[in-house]
């Protein structure tokens, strides 16, 4: 059985990043979490902001909050040229 505590910790997905971008993103992630003292669930301010951006992008065909993790947004992009 998976530890629910570990499942809800802040995370950073680096798939598709190059070495330098991954380094910067990792350092920023650590700094931001230390400064903001991120813990627990907030009021959905970040999610609302992300969804607002997604709703305005023509490349986004649809998006939704993951059913099992409301901190995760699934985004579908149109990649046809």
PDB file of N, CA and C in Angstrom:
ATOM      1  N   UNK A   1       0.848  -1.185   0.000  1.00  0.00           N
ATOM      2  CA  UNK A   1       0.000   0.000   0.000  1.00  0.00           C
ATOM      3  C   UNK A   1       0.890   1.243   0.000  1.00  0.00           C
ATOM      4  N   UNK A   2       0.517   2.218  -0.822  1.00  0.00           N
ATOM      5  CA  UNK A   2       1.286   3.439  -0.940  1.00  0.00           C
ATOM      6  C   UNK A   2       1.053   4.354   0.255  1.00  0.00           C
ATOM      7  N   UNK A   3       2.100   5.008   0.700  1.00  0.00           N
ATOM      8  CA  UNK A   3       1.997   5.945   1.808  1.00  0.00           C
ATOM      9  C   UNK A   3       1.307   7.218   1.329  1.00  0.00           C
ATOM     10  N   UNK A   4       0.117   7.511   1.878  1.00  0.00           N
ATOM     11  CA  UNK A   4      -0.657   8.675   1.432  1.00  0.00           C
ATOM     12  C   UNK A   4       0.092   9.972   1.689  1.00  0.00           C
ATOM     13  N   UNK A   5       0.931  10.015   2.714  1.00  0.00           N
ATOM     14  CA  UNK A   5       1.721  11.213   3.006  1.00  0.00           C
ATOM     15  C   UNK A   5       2.680  11.495   1.857  1.00  0.00           C
ATOM     16  N   UNK A   6       3.391  10.488   1.419  1.00  0.00           N
ATOM     17  CA  UNK A   6       4.355  10.662   0.335  1.00  0.00           C
ATOM     18  C   UNK A   6       3.665  11.033  -0.972  1.00  0.00           C
ATOM     19  N   UNK A   7       2.472  10.507  -1.192  1.00  0.00           N
ATOM     20  CA  UNK A   7       1.729  10.759  -2.419  1.00  0.00           C
ATOM     21  C   UNK A   7       1.304  12.229  -2.535  1.00  0.00           C
ATOM     22  N   UNK A   8       1.163  12.927  -1.418  1.00  0.00           N
ATOM     23  CA  UNK A   8       0.665  14.300  -1.423  1.00  0.00           C
ATOM     24  C   UNK A   8       1.748  15.351  -1.247  1.00  0.00           C
ATOM     25  N   UNK A   9       3.001  14.964  -1.279  1.00  0.00           N
ATOM     26  CA  UNK A   9       4.078  15.938  -1.185  1.00  0.00           C
ATOM     27  C   UNK A   9       4.210  16.718  -2.484  1.00  0.00           C
ATOM     28  N   UNK A  10       4.687  17.971  -2.414  1.00  0.00           N
ATOM     29  CA  UNK A  10       4.929  18.708  -3.657  1.00  0.00           C
ATOM     30  C   UNK A  10       5.874  17.915  -4.556  1.00  0.00           C
ATOM     31  N   UNK A  11       5.660  18.012  -5.856  1.00  0.00           N
ATOM     32  CA  UNK A  11       6.500  17.262  -6.791  1.00  0.00           C
ATOM     33  C   UNK A  11       6.842  18.124  -7.993  1.00  0.00           C
ATOM     34  N   UNK A  12       7.807  17.666  -8.736  1.00  0.00           N
ATOM     35  CA  UNK A  12       8.272  18.369  -9.922  1.00  0.00           C
ATOM     36  C   UNK A  12       8.516  17.336 -11.011  1.00  0.00           C
ATOM     37  N   UNK A  13       7.821  17.464 -12.120  1.00  0.00           N
ATOM     38  CA  UNK A  13       7.973  16.538 -13.234  1.00  0.00           C
ATOM     39  C   UNK A  13       8.946  17.147 -14.232  1.00  0.00           C
ATOM     40  N   UNK A  14      10.055  16.488 -14.469  1.00  0.00           N
ATOM     41  CA  UNK A  14      11.095  17.017 -15.351  1.00  0.00           C
ATOM     42  C   UNK A  14      11.150  16.314 -16.706  1.00  0.00           C
ATOM     43  N   UNK A  15      10.127  15.547 -17.047  1.00  0.00           N
ATOM     44  CA  UNK A  15      10.110  14.878 -18.347  1.00  0.00           C
ATOM     45  C   UNK A  15      10.230  15.906 -19.465  1.00  0.00           C
ATOM     46  N   UNK A  16      11.121  15.655 -20.399  1.00  0.00           N
ATOM     47  CA  UNK A  16      11.292  16.521 -21.555  1.00  0.00           C
ATOM     48  C   UNK A  16      12.215  17.713 -21.338  1.00  0.00           C
ATOM     49  N   UNK A  17      12.709  17.882 -20.127  1.00  0.00           N
ATOM     50  CA  UNK A  17      13.614  19.001 -19.848  1.00  0.00           C
ATOM     51  C   UNK A  17      15.025  18.634 -20.278  1.00  0.00           C
ATOM     52  N   UNK A  18      15.800  19.616 -20.721  1.00  0.00           N
ATOM     53  CA  UNK A  18      17.216  19.356 -20.943  1.00  0.00           C
ATOM     54  C   UNK A  18      17.953  19.544 -19.609  1.00  0.00           C
ATOM     55  N   UNK A  19      19.229  19.266 -19.583  1.00  0.00           N
ATOM     56  CA  UNK A  19      19.998  19.277 -18.339  1.00  0.00           C
ATOM     57  C   UNK A  19      19.946  20.630 -17.636  1.00  0.00           C
ATOM     58  N   UNK A  20      20.170  21.712 -18.358  1.00  0.00           N
ATOM     59  CA  UNK A  20      20.215  23.030 -17.742  1.00  0.00           C
ATOM     60  C   UNK A  20      18.842  23.485 -17.254  1.00  0.00           C
ATOM     61  N   UNK A  21      17.822  23.258 -18.056  1.00  0.00           N
ATOM     62  CA  UNK A  21      16.466  23.627 -17.652  1.00  0.00           C
ATOM     63  C   UNK A  21      16.034  22.828 -16.433  1.00  0.00           C
ATOM     64  N   UNK A  22      16.378  21.548 -16.392  1.00  0.00           N
ATOM     65  CA  UNK A  22      16.048  20.713 -15.235  1.00  0.00           C
ATOM     66  C   UNK A  22      16.769  21.213 -13.981  1.00  0.00           C
ATOM     67  N   UNK A  23      18.018  21.632 -14.133  1.00  0.00           N
ATOM     68  CA  UNK A  23      18.770  22.151 -12.988  1.00  0.00           C
ATOM     69  C   UNK A  23      18.105  23.401 -12.428  1.00  0.00           C
ATOM     70  N   UNK A  24      17.774  24.334 -13.320  1.00  0.00           N
ATOM     71  CA  UNK A  24      17.148  25.592 -12.888  1.00  0.00           C
ATOM     72  C   UNK A  24      15.786  25.312 -12.263  1.00  0.00           C
ATOM     73  N   UNK A  25      14.994  24.465 -12.898  1.00  0.00           N
ATOM     74  CA  UNK A  25      13.665  24.145 -12.371  1.00  0.00           C
ATOM     75  C   UNK A  25      13.763  23.490 -10.999  1.00  0.00           C
ATOM     76  N   UNK A  26      14.745  22.623 -10.814  1.00  0.00           N
ATOM     77  CA  UNK A  26      14.932  21.958  -9.528  1.00  0.00           C
ATOM     78  C   UNK A  26      15.332  22.957  -8.454  1.00  0.00           C
ATOM     79  N   UNK A  27      16.260  23.835  -8.767  1.00  0.00           N
ATOM     80  CA  UNK A  27      16.666  24.855  -7.795  1.00  0.00           C
ATOM     81  C   UNK A  27      15.503  25.786  -7.452  1.00  0.00           C
ATOM     82  N   UNK A  28      14.757  26.204  -8.465  1.00  0.00           N
ATOM     83  CA  UNK A  28      13.592  27.070  -8.229  1.00  0.00           C
ATOM     84  C   UNK A  28      12.548  26.372  -7.367  1.00  0.00           C
ATOM     85  N   UNK A  29      12.309  25.096  -7.653  1.00  0.00           N
ATOM     86  CA  UNK A  29      11.329  24.314  -6.894  1.00  0.00           C
ATOM     87  C   UNK A  29      11.710  24.262  -5.418  1.00  0.00           C
ATOM     88  N   UNK A  30      12.969  23.992  -5.145  1.00  0.00           N
ATOM     89  CA  UNK A  30      13.437  23.923  -3.761  1.00  0.00           C
ATOM     90  C   UNK A  30      13.313  25.291  -3.094  1.00  0.00           C
ATOM     91  N   UNK A  31      13.798  26.335  -3.761  1.00  0.00           N
ATOM     92  CA  UNK A  31      13.739  27.693  -3.204  1.00  0.00           C
ATOM     93  C   UNK A  31      12.302  28.124  -2.923  1.00  0.00           C
ATOM     94  N   UNK A  32      11.414  27.896  -3.873  1.00  0.00           N
ATOM     95  CA  UNK A  32      10.024  28.312  -3.712  1.00  0.00           C
ATOM     96  C   UNK A  32       9.349  27.590  -2.548  1.00  0.00           C
ATOM     97  N   UNK A  33       9.611  26.291  -2.414  1.00  0.00           N
ATOM     98  CA  UNK A  33       8.991  25.543  -1.338  1.00  0.00           C
ATOM     99  C   UNK A  33       9.524  25.960   0.027  1.00  0.00           C
ATOM    100  N   UNK A  34      10.791  26.337   0.078  1.00  0.00           N
ATOM    101  CA  UNK A  34      11.360  26.819   1.340  1.00  0.00           C
ATOM    102  C   UNK A  34      10.776  28.185   1.685  1.00  0.00           C
ATOM    103  N   UNK A  35      10.747  29.091   0.722  1.00  0.00           N
ATOM    104  CA  UNK A  35      10.246  30.447   0.954  1.00  0.00           C
ATOM    105  C   UNK A  35       8.755  30.433   1.311  1.00  0.00           C
ATOM    106  N   UNK A  36       7.982  29.669   0.540  1.00  0.00           N
ATOM    107  CA  UNK A  36       6.530  29.667   0.737  1.00  0.00           C
ATOM    108  C   UNK A  36       6.071  28.726   1.846  1.00  0.00           C
ATOM    109  N   UNK A  37       7.022  27.909   2.336  1.00  0.00           N
ATOM    110  CA  UNK A  37       6.672  26.917   3.357  1.00  0.00           C
ATOM    111  C   UNK A  37       5.448  26.116   2.922  1.00  0.00           C
ATOM    112  N   UNK A  38       5.546  25.608   1.694  1.00  0.00           N
ATOM    113  CA  UNK A  38       4.443  24.855   1.104  1.00  0.00           C
ATOM    114  C   UNK A  38       4.150  23.625   1.944  1.00  0.00           C
ATOM    115  N   UNK A  39       2.900  23.458   2.271  1.00  0.00           N
ATOM    116  CA  UNK A  39       2.460  22.255   2.971  1.00  0.00           C
ATOM    117  C   UNK A  39       0.952  22.150   2.848  1.00  0.00           C
ATOM    118  N   UNK A  40       0.456  20.953   2.850  1.00  0.00           N
ATOM    119  CA  UNK A  40      -0.981  20.743   2.807  1.00  0.00           C
ATOM    120  C   UNK A  40      -1.616  21.268   1.529  1.00  0.00           C
ATOM    121  N   UNK A  41      -2.925  21.405   1.567  1.00  0.00           N
ATOM    122  CA  UNK A  41      -3.669  21.907   0.419  1.00  0.00           C
ATOM    123  C   UNK A  41      -4.088  23.329   0.675  1.00  0.00           C
ATOM    124  N   UNK A  42      -4.004  24.127  -0.349  1.00  0.00           N
ATOM    125  CA  UNK A  42      -4.388  25.526  -0.233  1.00  0.00           C
ATOM    126  C   UNK A  42      -5.821  25.744  -0.679  1.00  0.00           C
ATOM    127  N   UNK A  43      -6.064  26.918  -1.176  1.00  0.00           N
ATOM    128  CA  UNK A  43      -7.407  27.311  -1.598  1.00  0.00           C
ATOM    129  C   UNK A  43      -7.625  27.145  -3.095  1.00  0.00           C
ATOM    130  N   UNK A  44      -6.669  26.541  -3.767  1.00  0.00           N
ATOM    131  CA  UNK A  44      -6.798  26.323  -5.207  1.00  0.00           C
ATOM    132  C   UNK A  44      -6.423  27.530  -6.043  1.00  0.00           C
ATOM    133  N   UNK A  45      -5.672  28.462  -5.460  1.00  0.00           N
ATOM    134  CA  UNK A  45      -5.287  29.682  -6.174  1.00  0.00           C
ATOM    135  C   UNK A  45      -4.420  29.346  -7.382  1.00  0.00           C
ATOM    136  N   UNK A  46      -3.446  28.478  -7.212  1.00  0.00           N
ATOM    137  CA  UNK A  46      -2.565  28.099  -8.322  1.00  0.00           C
ATOM    138  C   UNK A  46      -3.366  27.362  -9.389  1.00  0.00           C
ATOM    139  N   UNK A  47      -4.203  26.419  -8.963  1.00  0.00           N
ATOM    140  CA  UNK A  47      -5.005  25.654  -9.921  1.00  0.00           C
ATOM    141  C   UNK A  47      -5.897  26.603 -10.737  1.00  0.00           C
ATOM    142  N   UNK A  48      -6.537  27.557 -10.085  1.00  0.00           N
ATOM    143  CA  UNK A  48      -7.410  28.507 -10.789  1.00  0.00           C
ATOM    144  C   UNK A  48      -6.614  29.330 -11.798  1.00  0.00           C
ATOM    145  N   UNK A  49      -5.432  29.742 -11.425  1.00  0.00           N
ATOM    146  CA  UNK A  49      -4.588  30.520 -12.325  1.00  0.00           C
ATOM    147  C   UNK A  49      -4.173  29.690 -13.535  1.00  0.00           C
ATOM    148  N   UNK A  50      -3.752  28.456 -13.291  1.00  0.00           N
ATOM    149  CA  UNK A  50      -3.350  27.560 -14.386  1.00  0.00           C
ATOM    150  C   UNK A  50      -4.530  27.302 -15.312  1.00  0.00           C
ATOM    151  N   UNK A  51      -5.695  27.012 -14.747  1.00  0.00           N
ATOM    152  CA  UNK A  51      -6.879  26.731 -15.562  1.00  0.00           C
ATOM    153  C   UNK A  51      -7.290  27.967 -16.364  1.00  0.00           C
ATOM    154  N   UNK A  52      -7.100  29.143 -15.809  1.00  0.00           N
ATOM    155  CA  UNK A  52      -7.405  30.378 -16.531  1.00  0.00           C
ATOM    156  C   UNK A  52      -6.516  30.502 -17.777  1.00  0.00           C
ATOM    157  N   UNK A  53      -5.226  30.235 -17.613  1.00  0.00           N
ATOM    158  CA  UNK A  53      -4.300  30.272 -18.755  1.00  0.00           C
ATOM    159  C   UNK A  53      -4.692  29.219 -19.785  1.00  0.00           C
ATOM    160  N   UNK A  54      -4.965  28.005 -19.315  1.00  0.00           N
ATOM    161  CA  UNK A  54      -5.316  26.922 -20.234  1.00  0.00           C
ATOM    162  C   UNK A  54      -6.576  27.237 -21.032  1.00  0.00           C
ATOM    163  N   UNK A  55      -7.544  27.878 -20.405  1.00  0.00           N
ATOM    164  CA  UNK A  55      -8.812  28.182 -21.084  1.00  0.00           C
ATOM    165  C   UNK A  55      -8.635  29.192 -22.216  1.00  0.00           C
ATOM    166  N   UNK A  56      -7.549  29.930 -22.209  1.00  0.00           N
ATOM    167  CA  UNK A  56      -7.313  30.962 -23.216  1.00  0.00           C
ATOM    168  C   UNK A  56      -6.387  30.524 -24.348  1.00  0.00           C
ATOM    169  N   UNK A  57      -5.786  29.348 -24.213  1.00  0.00           N
ATOM    170  CA  UNK A  57      -4.839  28.882 -25.231  1.00  0.00           C
ATOM    171  C   UNK A  57      -5.541  28.034 -26.274  1.00  0.00           C
ATOM    172  N   UNK A  58      -5.388  28.408 -27.544  1.00  0.00           N
ATOM    173  CA  UNK A  58      -6.051  27.681 -28.626  1.00  0.00           C
ATOM    174  C   UNK A  58      -5.504  26.256 -28.783  1.00  0.00           C
ATOM    175  N   UNK A  59      -4.265  26.032 -28.357  1.00  0.00           N
ATOM    176  CA  UNK A  59      -3.656  24.696 -28.486  1.00  0.00           C
ATOM    177  C   UNK A  59      -4.228  23.697 -27.481  1.00  0.00           C
ATOM    178  N   UNK A  60      -4.868  24.185 -26.449  1.00  0.00           N
ATOM    179  CA  UNK A  60      -5.442  23.316 -25.412  1.00  0.00           C
ATOM    180  C   UNK A  60      -6.837  22.893 -25.857  1.00  0.00           C
ATOM    181  N   UNK A  61      -6.995  21.603 -26.137  1.00  0.00           N
ATOM    182  CA  UNK A  61      -8.303  21.119 -26.587  1.00  0.00           C
ATOM    183  C   UNK A  61      -9.223  20.834 -25.407  1.00  0.00           C
ATOM    184  N   UNK A  62      -8.664  20.386 -24.294  1.00  0.00           N
ATOM    185  CA  UNK A  62      -9.429  20.215 -23.064  1.00  0.00           C
ATOM    186  C   UNK A  62      -8.464  20.013 -21.907  1.00  0.00           C
ATOM    187  N   UNK A  63      -8.991  20.180 -20.706  1.00  0.00           N
ATOM    188  CA  UNK A  63      -8.209  19.951 -19.497  1.00  0.00           C
ATOM    189  C   UNK A  63      -9.171  19.644 -18.356  1.00  0.00           C
ATOM    190  N   UNK A  64      -8.658  18.940 -17.364  1.00  0.00           N
ATOM    191  CA  UNK A  64      -9.467  18.644 -16.183  1.00  0.00           C
ATOM    192  C   UNK A  64      -8.551  18.295 -15.018  1.00  0.00           C
ATOM    193  N   UNK A  65      -9.087  18.439 -13.838  1.00  0.00           N
ATOM    194  CA  UNK A  65      -8.367  18.046 -12.632  1.00  0.00           C
ATOM    195  C   UNK A  65      -8.418  16.535 -12.535  1.00  0.00           C
ATOM    196  N   UNK A  66      -7.294  15.921 -12.204  1.00  0.00           N
ATOM    197  CA  UNK A  66      -7.223  14.472 -12.057  1.00  0.00           C
ATOM    198  C   UNK A  66      -8.165  14.013 -10.945  1.00  0.00           C
ATOM    199  N   UNK A  67      -8.904  12.956 -11.193  1.00  0.00           N
ATOM    200  CA  UNK A  67      -9.870  12.443 -10.210  1.00  0.00           C
ATOM    201  C   UNK A  67      -9.220  11.962  -8.915  1.00  0.00           C
ATOM    202  N   UNK A  68      -8.009  11.469  -8.993  1.00  0.00           N
ATOM    203  CA  UNK A  68      -7.350  10.909  -7.814  1.00  0.00           C
ATOM    204  C   UNK A  68      -6.383  11.876  -7.144  1.00  0.00           C
ATOM    205  N   UNK A  69      -6.066  12.990  -7.813  1.00  0.00           N
ATOM    206  CA  UNK A  69      -5.112  13.948  -7.267  1.00  0.00           C
ATOM    207  C   UNK A  69      -5.525  15.342  -7.720  1.00  0.00           C
ATOM    208  N   UNK A  70      -6.238  16.065  -6.864  1.00  0.00           N
ATOM    209  CA  UNK A  70      -6.752  17.366  -7.278  1.00  0.00           C
ATOM    210  C   UNK A  70      -5.671  18.429  -7.398  1.00  0.00           C
ATOM    211  N   UNK A  71      -4.424  18.063  -7.136  1.00  0.00           N
ATOM    212  CA  UNK A  71      -3.298  18.958  -7.377  1.00  0.00           C
ATOM    213  C   UNK A  71      -2.688  18.758  -8.754  1.00  0.00           C
ATOM    214  N   UNK A  72      -3.296  17.866  -9.531  1.00  0.00           N
ATOM    215  CA  UNK A  72      -2.778  17.533 -10.862  1.00  0.00           C
ATOM    216  C   UNK A  72      -3.824  17.879 -11.912  1.00  0.00           C
ATOM    217  N   UNK A  73      -3.421  18.646 -12.913  1.00  0.00           N
ATOM    218  CA  UNK A  73      -4.311  18.972 -14.023  1.00  0.00           C
ATOM    219  C   UNK A  73      -3.849  18.218 -15.261  1.00  0.00           C
ATOM    220  N   UNK A  74      -4.761  17.511 -15.877  1.00  0.00           N
ATOM    221  CA  UNK A  74      -4.478  16.788 -17.117  1.00  0.00           C
ATOM    222  C   UNK A  74      -4.821  17.731 -18.275  1.00  0.00           C
ATOM    223  N   UNK A  75      -3.867  17.911 -19.194  1.00  0.00           N
ATOM    224  CA  UNK A  75      -4.055  18.850 -20.295  1.00  0.00           C
ATOM    225  C   UNK A  75      -3.907  18.108 -21.616  1.00  0.00           C
ATOM    226  N   UNK A  76      -4.842  18.353 -22.531  1.00  0.00           N
ATOM    227  CA  UNK A  76      -4.803  17.778 -23.866  1.00  0.00           C
ATOM    228  C   UNK A  76      -4.487  18.886 -24.856  1.00  0.00           C
ATOM    229  N   UNK A  77      -3.441  18.670 -25.642  1.00  0.00           N
ATOM    230  CA  UNK A  77      -3.000  19.684 -26.604  1.00  0.00           C
ATOM    231  C   UNK A  77      -3.228  19.203 -28.023  1.00  0.00           C
ATOM    232  N   UNK A  78      -3.543  20.139 -28.902  1.00  0.00           N
ATOM    233  CA  UNK A  78      -3.606  19.859 -30.324  1.00  0.00           C
ATOM    234  C   UNK A  78      -2.205  20.125 -30.887  1.00  0.00           C
ATOM    235  N   UNK A  79      -1.594  19.096 -31.426  1.00  0.00           N
ATOM    236  CA  UNK A  79      -0.233  19.254 -31.944  1.00  0.00           C
ATOM    237  C   UNK A  79      -0.198  19.208 -33.466  1.00  0.00           C
ATOM    238  N   UNK A  80      -1.366  19.250 -34.098  1.00  0.00           N
ATOM    239  CA  UNK A  80      -1.435  19.277 -35.556  1.00  0.00           C
ATOM    240  C   UNK A  80      -0.995  20.633 -36.076  1.00  0.00           C
ATOM    241  N   UNK A  81      -0.197  20.615 -37.135  1.00  0.00           N
ATOM    242  CA  UNK A  81       0.268  21.878 -37.728  1.00  0.00           C
ATOM    243  C   UNK A  81      -0.636  22.321 -38.831  1.00  0.00           C
TER     244      UNK A  81
END
